[in-house]
Amino acid sequence: GRSRRRRGNHLHCTIQMDFAEPAET
């Protein structure tokens, strides 16, 4: 039958962090 609505595209990005930043939220 008639085509169903398709889900949109996923997007990707990169987040740069300093070495010690993951020590905290």
mmCIF file of all heavy atoms, coordinates in Angstrom:
data_MODEL
# 
_entry.id   MODEL 
# 
loop_
_atom_site.group_PDB 
_atom_site.id 
_atom_site.type_symbol 
_atom_site.label_atom_id 
_atom_site.label_alt_id 
_atom_site.label_comp_id 
_atom_site.label_asym_id 
_atom_site.label_entity_id 
_atom_site.label_seq_id 
_atom_site.pdbx_PDB_ins_code 
_atom_site.Cartn_x 
_atom_site.Cartn_y 
_atom_site.Cartn_z 
_atom_site.occupancy 
_atom_site.B_iso_or_equiv 
_atom_site.pdbx_formal_charge 
_atom_site.auth_seq_id 
_atom_site.auth_comp_id 
_atom_site.auth_asym_id 
_atom_site.auth_atom_id 
_atom_site.pdbx_PDB_model_num 
ATOM 1   N N   . GLY A 1 1  ? 0.814  -1.196 0.000  1.00 0.00 ? 1  GLY A N   1 
ATOM 2   C CA  . GLY A 1 1  ? 0.000  0.000  0.000  1.00 0.00 ? 1  GLY A CA  1 
ATOM 3   C C   . GLY A 1 1  ? 0.846  1.243  0.000  1.00 0.00 ? 1  GLY A C   1 
ATOM 4   O O   . GLY A 1 1  ? 2.007  1.228  -0.367 1.00 0.00 ? 1  GLY A O   1 
ATOM 5   N N   . ARG A 1 2  ? 0.271  2.356  0.416  1.00 0.00 ? 2  ARG A N   1 
ATOM 6   C CA  . ARG A 1 2  ? 0.967  3.623  0.440  1.00 0.00 ? 2  ARG A CA  1 
ATOM 7   C C   . ARG A 1 2  ? 2.130  3.561  1.414  1.00 0.00 ? 2  ARG A C   1 
ATOM 8   O O   . ARG A 1 2  ? 2.020  3.003  2.503  1.00 0.00 ? 2  ARG A O   1 
ATOM 9   C CB  . ARG A 1 2  ? -0.017 4.718  0.852  1.00 0.00 ? 2  ARG A CB  1 
ATOM 10  C CG  . ARG A 1 2  ? 0.539  6.114  0.688  1.00 0.00 ? 2  ARG A CG  1 
ATOM 11  C CD  . ARG A 1 2  ? -0.552 7.137  0.917  1.00 0.00 ? 2  ARG A CD  1 
ATOM 12  N NE  . ARG A 1 2  ? -1.632 6.975  -0.057 1.00 0.00 ? 2  ARG A NE  1 
ATOM 13  C CZ  . ARG A 1 2  ? -2.705 7.743  -0.077 1.00 0.00 ? 2  ARG A CZ  1 
ATOM 14  N NH1 . ARG A 1 2  ? -2.862 8.696  0.809  1.00 0.00 ? 2  ARG A NH1 1 
ATOM 15  N NH2 . ARG A 1 2  ? -3.648 7.529  -0.972 1.00 0.00 ? 2  ARG A NH2 1 
ATOM 16  N N   . SER A 1 3  ? 3.271  4.098  1.040  1.00 0.00 ? 3  SER A N   1 
ATOM 17  C CA  . SER A 1 3  ? 4.476  3.989  1.867  1.00 0.00 ? 3  SER A CA  1 
ATOM 18  C C   . SER A 1 3  ? 4.285  4.702  3.194  1.00 0.00 ? 3  SER A C   1 
ATOM 19  O O   . SER A 1 3  ? 3.702  5.771  3.271  1.00 0.00 ? 3  SER A O   1 
ATOM 20  C CB  . SER A 1 3  ? 5.676  4.588  1.128  1.00 0.00 ? 3  SER A CB  1 
ATOM 21  O OG  . SER A 1 3  ? 5.436  5.956  0.836  1.00 0.00 ? 3  SER A OG  1 
ATOM 22  N N   . ARG A 1 4  ? 4.808  4.084  4.261  1.00 0.00 ? 4  ARG A N   1 
ATOM 23  C CA  . ARG A 1 4  ? 4.690  4.679  5.583  1.00 0.00 ? 4  ARG A CA  1 
ATOM 24  C C   . ARG A 1 4  ? 5.754  5.752  5.756  1.00 0.00 ? 4  ARG A C   1 
ATOM 25  O O   . ARG A 1 4  ? 6.721  5.808  5.020  1.00 0.00 ? 4  ARG A O   1 
ATOM 26  C CB  . ARG A 1 4  ? 4.868  3.594  6.647  1.00 0.00 ? 4  ARG A CB  1 
ATOM 27  C CG  . ARG A 1 4  ? 6.212  2.908  6.605  1.00 0.00 ? 4  ARG A CG  1 
ATOM 28  C CD  . ARG A 1 4  ? 6.237  1.739  7.541  1.00 0.00 ? 4  ARG A CD  1 
ATOM 29  N NE  . ARG A 1 4  ? 7.520  1.062  7.478  1.00 0.00 ? 4  ARG A NE  1 
ATOM 30  C CZ  . ARG A 1 4  ? 7.782  -0.069 8.113  1.00 0.00 ? 4  ARG A CZ  1 
ATOM 31  N NH1 . ARG A 1 4  ? 6.854  -0.644 8.835  1.00 0.00 ? 4  ARG A NH1 1 
ATOM 32  N NH2 . ARG A 1 4  ? 8.963  -0.622 8.017  1.00 0.00 ? 4  ARG A NH2 1 
ATOM 33  N N   . ARG A 1 5  ? 5.580  6.588  6.763  1.00 0.00 ? 5  ARG A N   1 
ATOM 34  C CA  . ARG A 1 5  ? 6.544  7.653  7.010  1.00 0.00 ? 5  ARG A CA  1 
ATOM 35  C C   . ARG A 1 5  ? 7.869  7.053  7.461  1.00 0.00 ? 5  ARG A C   1 
ATOM 36  O O   . ARG A 1 5  ? 7.904  6.166  8.299  1.00 0.00 ? 5  ARG A O   1 
ATOM 37  C CB  . ARG A 1 5  ? 6.014  8.606  8.078  1.00 0.00 ? 5  ARG A CB  1 
ATOM 38  C CG  . ARG A 1 5  ? 4.784  9.381  7.617  1.00 0.00 ? 5  ARG A CG  1 
ATOM 39  C CD  . ARG A 1 5  ? 4.489  10.525 8.573  1.00 0.00 ? 5  ARG A CD  1 
ATOM 40  N NE  . ARG A 1 5  ? 3.285  11.239 8.201  1.00 0.00 ? 5  ARG A NE  1 
ATOM 41  C CZ  . ARG A 1 5  ? 3.241  12.164 7.264  1.00 0.00 ? 5  ARG A CZ  1 
ATOM 42  N NH1 . ARG A 1 5  ? 4.332  12.453 6.595  1.00 0.00 ? 5  ARG A NH1 1 
ATOM 43  N NH2 . ARG A 1 5  ? 2.122  12.782 6.978  1.00 0.00 ? 5  ARG A NH2 1 
ATOM 44  N N   . ARG A 1 6  ? 8.936  7.568  6.883  1.00 0.00 ? 6  ARG A N   1 
ATOM 45  C CA  . ARG A 1 6  ? 10.253 7.052  7.212  1.00 0.00 ? 6  ARG A CA  1 
ATOM 46  C C   . ARG A 1 6  ? 10.905 7.898  8.295  1.00 0.00 ? 6  ARG A C   1 
ATOM 47  O O   . ARG A 1 6  ? 10.697 9.107  8.358  1.00 0.00 ? 6  ARG A O   1 
ATOM 48  C CB  . ARG A 1 6  ? 11.138 7.037  5.958  1.00 0.00 ? 6  ARG A CB  1 
ATOM 49  C CG  . ARG A 1 6  ? 10.656 6.111  4.871  1.00 0.00 ? 6  ARG A CG  1 
ATOM 50  C CD  . ARG A 1 6  ? 11.483 6.307  3.622  1.00 0.00 ? 6  ARG A CD  1 
ATOM 51  N NE  . ARG A 1 6  ? 11.315 7.655  3.081  1.00 0.00 ? 6  ARG A NE  1 
ATOM 52  C CZ  . ARG A 1 6  ? 12.135 8.210  2.198  1.00 0.00 ? 6  ARG A CZ  1 
ATOM 53  N NH1 . ARG A 1 6  ? 13.189 7.541  1.785  1.00 0.00 ? 6  ARG A NH1 1 
ATOM 54  N NH2 . ARG A 1 6  ? 11.904 9.419  1.738  1.00 0.00 ? 6  ARG A NH2 1 
ATOM 55  N N   . ARG A 1 7  ? 11.707 7.228  9.106  1.00 0.00 ? 7  ARG A N   1 
ATOM 56  C CA  . ARG A 1 7  ? 12.427 7.961  10.131 1.00 0.00 ? 7  ARG A CA  1 
ATOM 57  C C   . ARG A 1 7  ? 13.555 8.759  9.482  1.00 0.00 ? 7  ARG A C   1 
ATOM 58  O O   . ARG A 1 7  ? 14.152 8.337  8.503  1.00 0.00 ? 7  ARG A O   1 
ATOM 59  C CB  . ARG A 1 7  ? 13.015 6.991  11.154 1.00 0.00 ? 7  ARG A CB  1 
ATOM 60  C CG  . ARG A 1 7  ? 13.561 7.703  12.381 1.00 0.00 ? 7  ARG A CG  1 
ATOM 61  C CD  . ARG A 1 7  ? 14.096 6.731  13.387 1.00 0.00 ? 7  ARG A CD  1 
ATOM 62  N NE  . ARG A 1 7  ? 14.445 7.424  14.610 1.00 0.00 ? 7  ARG A NE  1 
ATOM 63  C CZ  . ARG A 1 7  ? 15.124 6.878  15.595 1.00 0.00 ? 7  ARG A CZ  1 
ATOM 64  N NH1 . ARG A 1 7  ? 15.530 5.635  15.504 1.00 0.00 ? 7  ARG A NH1 1 
ATOM 65  N NH2 . ARG A 1 7  ? 15.411 7.573  16.688 1.00 0.00 ? 7  ARG A NH2 1 
ATOM 66  N N   . GLY A 1 8  ? 13.859 9.920  10.047 1.00 0.00 ? 8  GLY A N   1 
ATOM 67  C CA  . GLY A 1 8  ? 14.878 10.791 9.482  1.00 0.00 ? 8  GLY A CA  1 
ATOM 68  C C   . GLY A 1 8  ? 16.290 10.271 9.657  1.00 0.00 ? 8  GLY A C   1 
ATOM 69  O O   . GLY A 1 8  ? 16.533 9.282  10.362 1.00 0.00 ? 8  GLY A O   1 
ATOM 70  N N   . ASN A 1 9  ? 17.223 10.961 9.016  1.00 0.00 ? 9  ASN A N   1 
ATOM 71  C CA  . ASN A 1 9  ? 18.620 10.559 9.061  1.00 0.00 ? 9  ASN A CA  1 
ATOM 72  C C   . ASN A 1 9  ? 19.238 10.823 10.431 1.00 0.00 ? 9  ASN A C   1 
ATOM 73  O O   . ASN A 1 9  ? 18.914 11.811 11.098 1.00 0.00 ? 9  ASN A O   1 
ATOM 74  C CB  . ASN A 1 9  ? 19.433 11.335 8.010  1.00 0.00 ? 9  ASN A CB  1 
ATOM 75  C CG  . ASN A 1 9  ? 18.979 11.033 6.600  1.00 0.00 ? 9  ASN A CG  1 
ATOM 76  O OD1 . ASN A 1 9  ? 18.630 9.900  6.289  1.00 0.00 ? 9  ASN A OD1 1 
ATOM 77  N ND2 . ASN A 1 9  ? 18.954 12.039 5.748  1.00 0.00 ? 9  ASN A ND2 1 
ATOM 78  N N   . HIS A 1 10 ? 20.154 9.924  10.834 1.00 0.00 ? 10 HIS A N   1 
ATOM 79  C CA  . HIS A 1 10 ? 20.953 10.177 12.019 1.00 0.00 ? 10 HIS A CA  1 
ATOM 80  C C   . HIS A 1 10 ? 22.065 11.158 11.660 1.00 0.00 ? 10 HIS A C   1 
ATOM 81  O O   . HIS A 1 10 ? 22.570 11.169 10.525 1.00 0.00 ? 10 HIS A O   1 
ATOM 82  C CB  . HIS A 1 10 ? 21.584 8.884  12.540 1.00 0.00 ? 10 HIS A CB  1 
ATOM 83  C CG  . HIS A 1 10 ? 20.575 7.866  13.001 1.00 0.00 ? 10 HIS A CG  1 
ATOM 84  N ND1 . HIS A 1 10 ? 19.489 8.200  13.782 1.00 0.00 ? 10 HIS A ND1 1 
ATOM 85  C CD2 . HIS A 1 10 ? 20.495 6.520  12.812 1.00 0.00 ? 10 HIS A CD2 1 
ATOM 86  C CE1 . HIS A 1 10 ? 18.782 7.110  14.043 1.00 0.00 ? 10 HIS A CE1 1 
ATOM 87  N NE2 . HIS A 1 10 ? 19.369 6.084  13.453 1.00 0.00 ? 10 HIS A NE2 1 
ATOM 88  N N   . LEU A 1 11 ? 22.469 11.963 12.610 1.00 0.00 ? 11 LEU A N   1 
ATOM 89  C CA  . LEU A 1 11 ? 23.579 12.894 12.422 1.00 0.00 ? 11 LEU A CA  1 
ATOM 90  C C   . LEU A 1 11 ? 24.723 12.506 13.362 1.00 0.00 ? 11 LEU A C   1 
ATOM 91  O O   . LEU A 1 11 ? 24.505 11.872 14.396 1.00 0.00 ? 11 LEU A O   1 
ATOM 92  C CB  . LEU A 1 11 ? 23.133 14.330 12.709 1.00 0.00 ? 11 LEU A CB  1 
ATOM 93  C CG  . LEU A 1 11 ? 22.070 14.912 11.775 1.00 0.00 ? 11 LEU A CG  1 
ATOM 94  C CD1 . LEU A 1 11 ? 21.724 16.330 12.197 1.00 0.00 ? 11 LEU A CD1 1 
ATOM 95  C CD2 . LEU A 1 11 ? 22.550 14.900 10.326 1.00 0.00 ? 11 LEU A CD2 1 
ATOM 96  N N   . HIS A 1 12 ? 25.937 12.909 12.987 1.00 0.00 ? 12 HIS A N   1 
ATOM 97  C CA  . HIS A 1 12 ? 27.118 12.587 13.787 1.00 0.00 ? 12 HIS A CA  1 
ATOM 98  C C   . HIS A 1 12 ? 27.965 13.841 13.982 1.00 0.00 ? 12 HIS A C   1 
ATOM 99  O O   . HIS A 1 12 ? 28.062 14.683 13.093 1.00 0.00 ? 12 HIS A O   1 
ATOM 100 C CB  . HIS A 1 12 ? 27.953 11.505 13.095 1.00 0.00 ? 12 HIS A CB  1 
ATOM 101 C CG  . HIS A 1 12 ? 27.229 10.208 12.923 1.00 0.00 ? 12 HIS A CG  1 
ATOM 102 N ND1 . HIS A 1 12 ? 27.329 9.167  13.825 1.00 0.00 ? 12 HIS A ND1 1 
ATOM 103 C CD2 . HIS A 1 12 ? 26.363 9.792  11.959 1.00 0.00 ? 12 HIS A CD2 1 
ATOM 104 C CE1 . HIS A 1 12 ? 26.579 8.167  13.412 1.00 0.00 ? 12 HIS A CE1 1 
ATOM 105 N NE2 . HIS A 1 12 ? 25.978 8.518  12.285 1.00 0.00 ? 12 HIS A NE2 1 
ATOM 106 N N   . CYS A 1 13 ? 28.568 13.941 15.149 1.00 0.00 ? 13 CYS A N   1 
ATOM 107 C CA  . CYS A 1 13 ? 29.484 15.042 15.428 1.00 0.00 ? 13 CYS A CA  1 
ATOM 108 C C   . CYS A 1 13 ? 30.577 14.541 16.369 1.00 0.00 ? 13 CYS A C   1 
ATOM 109 O O   . CYS A 1 13 ? 30.483 13.436 16.914 1.00 0.00 ? 13 CYS A O   1 
ATOM 110 C CB  . CYS A 1 13 ? 28.756 16.238 16.047 1.00 0.00 ? 13 CYS A CB  1 
ATOM 111 S SG  . CYS A 1 13 ? 28.206 15.956 17.755 1.00 0.00 ? 13 CYS A SG  1 
ATOM 112 N N   . THR A 1 14 ? 31.620 15.338 16.540 1.00 0.00 ? 14 THR A N   1 
ATOM 113 C CA  . THR A 1 14 ? 32.718 14.990 17.444 1.00 0.00 ? 14 THR A CA  1 
ATOM 114 C C   . THR A 1 14 ? 32.836 16.063 18.516 1.00 0.00 ? 14 THR A C   1 
ATOM 115 O O   . THR A 1 14 ? 32.802 17.261 18.209 1.00 0.00 ? 14 THR A O   1 
ATOM 116 C CB  . THR A 1 14 ? 34.048 14.880 16.672 1.00 0.00 ? 14 THR A CB  1 
ATOM 117 O OG1 . THR A 1 14 ? 33.934 13.857 15.685 1.00 0.00 ? 14 THR A OG1 1 
ATOM 118 C CG2 . THR A 1 14 ? 35.193 14.526 17.611 1.00 0.00 ? 14 THR A CG2 1 
ATOM 119 N N   . ILE A 1 15 ? 32.967 15.642 19.768 1.00 0.00 ? 15 ILE A N   1 
ATOM 120 C CA  . ILE A 1 15 ? 33.171 16.570 20.887 1.00 0.00 ? 15 ILE A CA  1 
ATOM 121 C C   . ILE A 1 15 ? 34.573 16.373 21.428 1.00 0.00 ? 15 ILE A C   1 
ATOM 122 O O   . ILE A 1 15 ? 34.931 15.276 21.865 1.00 0.00 ? 15 ILE A O   1 
ATOM 123 C CB  . ILE A 1 15 ? 32.126 16.343 21.996 1.00 0.00 ? 15 ILE A CB  1 
ATOM 124 C CG1 . ILE A 1 15 ? 30.716 16.624 21.466 1.00 0.00 ? 15 ILE A CG1 1 
ATOM 125 C CG2 . ILE A 1 15 ? 32.427 17.226 23.205 1.00 0.00 ? 15 ILE A CG2 1 
ATOM 126 C CD1 . ILE A 1 15 ? 29.619 16.405 22.477 1.00 0.00 ? 15 ILE A CD1 1 
ATOM 127 N N   . GLN A 1 16 ? 35.379 17.435 21.399 1.00 0.00 ? 16 GLN A N   1 
ATOM 128 C CA  . GLN A 1 16 ? 36.759 17.372 21.876 1.00 0.00 ? 16 GLN A CA  1 
ATOM 129 C C   . GLN A 1 16 ? 36.802 17.673 23.372 1.00 0.00 ? 16 GLN A C   1 
ATOM 130 O O   . GLN A 1 16 ? 36.158 18.607 23.847 1.00 0.00 ? 16 GLN A O   1 
ATOM 131 C CB  . GLN A 1 16 ? 37.619 18.383 21.108 1.00 0.00 ? 16 GLN A CB  1 
ATOM 132 C CG  . GLN A 1 16 ? 39.103 18.221 21.321 1.00 0.00 ? 16 GLN A CG  1 
ATOM 133 C CD  . GLN A 1 16 ? 39.647 16.951 20.671 1.00 0.00 ? 16 GLN A CD  1 
ATOM 134 O OE1 . GLN A 1 16 ? 39.254 16.597 19.562 1.00 0.00 ? 16 GLN A OE1 1 
ATOM 135 N NE2 . GLN A 1 16 ? 40.527 16.251 21.375 1.00 0.00 ? 16 GLN A NE2 1 
ATOM 136 N N   . MET A 1 17 ? 37.565 16.871 24.119 1.00 0.00 ? 17 MET A N   1 
ATOM 137 C CA  . MET A 1 17 ? 37.694 17.069 25.557 1.00 0.00 ? 17 MET A CA  1 
ATOM 138 C C   . MET A 1 17 ? 39.164 16.992 25.962 1.00 0.00 ? 17 MET A C   1 
ATOM 139 O O   . MET A 1 17 ? 39.945 16.226 25.385 1.00 0.00 ? 17 MET A O   1 
ATOM 140 C CB  . MET A 1 17 ? 36.904 16.005 26.339 1.00 0.00 ? 17 MET A CB  1 
ATOM 141 C CG  . MET A 1 17 ? 35.422 15.984 26.063 1.00 0.00 ? 17 MET A CG  1 
ATOM 142 S SD  . MET A 1 17 ? 34.533 14.781 27.111 1.00 0.00 ? 17 MET A SD  1 
ATOM 143 C CE  . MET A 1 17 ? 34.585 15.632 28.705 1.00 0.00 ? 17 MET A CE  1 
ATOM 144 N N   . ASP A 1 18 ? 39.539 17.791 26.976 1.00 0.00 ? 18 ASP A N   1 
ATOM 145 C CA  . ASP A 1 18 ? 40.867 17.669 27.554 1.00 0.00 ? 18 ASP A CA  1 
ATOM 146 C C   . ASP A 1 18 ? 40.944 16.388 28.370 1.00 0.00 ? 18 ASP A C   1 
ATOM 147 O O   . ASP A 1 18 ? 39.921 15.844 28.803 1.00 0.00 ? 18 ASP A O   1 
ATOM 148 C CB  . ASP A 1 18 ? 41.177 18.874 28.449 1.00 0.00 ? 18 ASP A CB  1 
ATOM 149 C CG  . ASP A 1 18 ? 41.326 20.158 27.638 1.00 0.00 ? 18 ASP A CG  1 
ATOM 150 O OD1 . ASP A 1 18 ? 41.679 20.059 26.452 1.00 0.00 ? 18 ASP A OD1 1 
ATOM 151 O OD2 . ASP A 1 18 ? 41.077 21.248 28.200 1.00 0.00 ? 18 ASP A OD2 1 
ATOM 152 N N   . PHE A 1 19 ? 42.166 15.926 28.631 1.00 0.00 ? 19 PHE A N   1 
ATOM 153 C CA  . PHE A 1 19 ? 42.363 14.625 29.268 1.00 0.00 ? 19 PHE A CA  1 
ATOM 154 C C   . PHE A 1 19 ? 41.614 14.507 30.587 1.00 0.00 ? 19 PHE A C   1 
ATOM 155 O O   . PHE A 1 19 ? 40.989 13.474 30.871 1.00 0.00 ? 19 PHE A O   1 
ATOM 156 C CB  . PHE A 1 19 ? 43.866 14.395 29.505 1.00 0.00 ? 19 PHE A CB  1 
ATOM 157 C CG  . PHE A 1 19 ? 44.181 13.059 30.107 1.00 0.00 ? 19 PHE A CG  1 
ATOM 158 C CD1 . PHE A 1 19 ? 44.369 11.933 29.301 1.00 0.00 ? 19 PHE A CD1 1 
ATOM 159 C CD2 . PHE A 1 19 ? 44.291 12.902 31.490 1.00 0.00 ? 19 PHE A CD2 1 
ATOM 160 C CE1 . PHE A 1 19 ? 44.654 10.696 29.862 1.00 0.00 ? 19 PHE A CE1 1 
ATOM 161 C CE2 . PHE A 1 19 ? 44.572 11.668 32.050 1.00 0.00 ? 19 PHE A CE2 1 
ATOM 162 C CZ  . PHE A 1 19 ? 44.750 10.565 31.236 1.00 0.00 ? 19 PHE A CZ  1 
ATOM 163 N N   . ALA A 1 20 ? 41.669 15.535 31.433 1.00 0.00 ? 20 ALA A N   1 
ATOM 164 C CA  . ALA A 1 20 ? 41.112 15.444 32.784 1.00 0.00 ? 20 ALA A CA  1 
ATOM 165 C C   . ALA A 1 20 ? 39.626 15.787 32.860 1.00 0.00 ? 20 ALA A C   1 
ATOM 166 O O   . ALA A 1 20 ? 38.996 15.559 33.897 1.00 0.00 ? 20 ALA A O   1 
ATOM 167 C CB  . ALA A 1 20 ? 41.897 16.349 33.739 1.00 0.00 ? 20 ALA A CB  1 
ATOM 168 N N   . GLU A 1 21 ? 39.033 16.312 31.783 1.00 0.00 ? 21 GLU A N   1 
ATOM 169 C CA  . GLU A 1 21 ? 37.627 16.734 31.847 1.00 0.00 ? 21 GLU A CA  1 
ATOM 170 C C   . GLU A 1 21 ? 36.659 15.606 32.189 1.00 0.00 ? 21 GLU A C   1 
ATOM 171 O O   . GLU A 1 21 ? 35.677 15.837 32.907 1.00 0.00 ? 21 GLU A O   1 
ATOM 172 C CB  . GLU A 1 21 ? 37.223 17.401 30.535 1.00 0.00 ? 21 GLU A CB  1 
ATOM 173 C CG  . GLU A 1 21 ? 37.736 18.818 30.389 1.00 0.00 ? 21 GLU A CG  1 
ATOM 174 C CD  . GLU A 1 21 ? 37.146 19.531 29.188 1.00 0.00 ? 21 GLU A CD  1 
ATOM 175 O OE1 . GLU A 1 21 ? 37.413 19.091 28.054 1.00 0.00 ? 21 GLU A OE1 1 
ATOM 176 O OE2 . GLU A 1 21 ? 36.410 20.522 29.384 1.00 0.00 ? 21 GLU A OE2 1 
ATOM 177 N N   . PRO A 1 22 ? 36.881 14.364 31.716 1.00 0.00 ? 22 PRO A N   1 
ATOM 178 C CA  . PRO A 1 22 ? 35.946 13.293 32.086 1.00 0.00 ? 22 PRO A CA  1 
ATOM 179 C C   . PRO A 1 22 ? 35.938 12.947 33.568 1.00 0.00 ? 22 PRO A C   1 
ATOM 180 O O   . PRO A 1 22 ? 35.146 12.108 34.001 1.00 0.00 ? 22 PRO A O   1 
ATOM 181 C CB  . PRO A 1 22 ? 36.443 12.099 31.248 1.00 0.00 ? 22 PRO A CB  1 
ATOM 182 C CG  . PRO A 1 22 ? 37.142 12.706 30.090 1.00 0.00 ? 22 PRO A CG  1 
ATOM 183 C CD  . PRO A 1 22 ? 37.820 13.912 30.661 1.00 0.00 ? 22 PRO A CD  1 
ATOM 184 N N   . ALA A 1 23 ? 36.798 13.577 34.365 1.00 0.00 ? 23 ALA A N   1 
ATOM 185 C CA  . ALA A 1 23 ? 36.777 13.334 35.813 1.00 0.00 ? 23 ALA A CA  1 
ATOM 186 C C   . ALA A 1 23 ? 35.490 13.861 36.443 1.00 0.00 ? 23 ALA A C   1 
ATOM 187 O O   . ALA A 1 23 ? 35.101 13.446 37.538 1.00 0.00 ? 23 ALA A O   1 
ATOM 188 C CB  . ALA A 1 23 ? 37.987 13.987 36.488 1.00 0.00 ? 23 ALA A CB  1 
ATOM 189 N N   . GLU A 1 24 ? 34.804 14.760 35.749 1.00 0.00 ? 24 GLU A N   1 
ATOM 190 C CA  . GLU A 1 24 ? 33.554 15.323 36.250 1.00 0.00 ? 24 GLU A CA  1 
ATOM 191 C C   . GLU A 1 24 ? 32.545 15.419 35.102 1.00 0.00 ? 24 GLU A C   1 
ATOM 192 O O   . GLU A 1 24 ? 32.910 15.433 33.929 1.00 0.00 ? 24 GLU A O   1 
ATOM 193 C CB  . GLU A 1 24 ? 33.788 16.721 36.834 1.00 0.00 ? 24 GLU A CB  1 
ATOM 194 C CG  . GLU A 1 24 ? 34.732 16.740 38.034 1.00 0.00 ? 24 GLU A CG  1 
ATOM 195 C CD  . GLU A 1 24 ? 34.984 18.150 38.532 1.00 0.00 ? 24 GLU A CD  1 
ATOM 196 O OE1 . GLU A 1 24 ? 34.605 19.109 37.824 1.00 0.00 ? 24 GLU A OE1 1 
ATOM 197 O OE2 . GLU A 1 24 ? 35.557 18.296 39.620 1.00 0.00 ? 24 GLU A OE2 1 
ATOM 198 N N   . THR A 1 25 ? 31.276 15.497 35.454 1.00 0.00 ? 25 THR A N   1 
ATOM 199 C CA  . THR A 1 25 ? 30.228 15.696 34.448 1.00 0.00 ? 25 THR A CA  1 
ATOM 200 C C   . THR A 1 25 ? 30.443 17.036 33.756 1.00 0.00 ? 25 THR A C   1 
ATOM 201 O O   . THR A 1 25 ? 30.722 18.042 34.421 1.00 0.00 ? 25 THR A O   1 
ATOM 202 C CB  . THR A 1 25 ? 28.835 15.660 35.105 1.00 0.00 ? 25 THR A CB  1 
ATOM 203 O OG1 . THR A 1 25 ? 28.636 14.385 35.711 1.00 0.00 ? 25 THR A OG1 1 
ATOM 204 C CG2 . THR A 1 25 ? 27.741 15.886 34.074 1.00 0.00 ? 25 THR A CG2 1 
# 
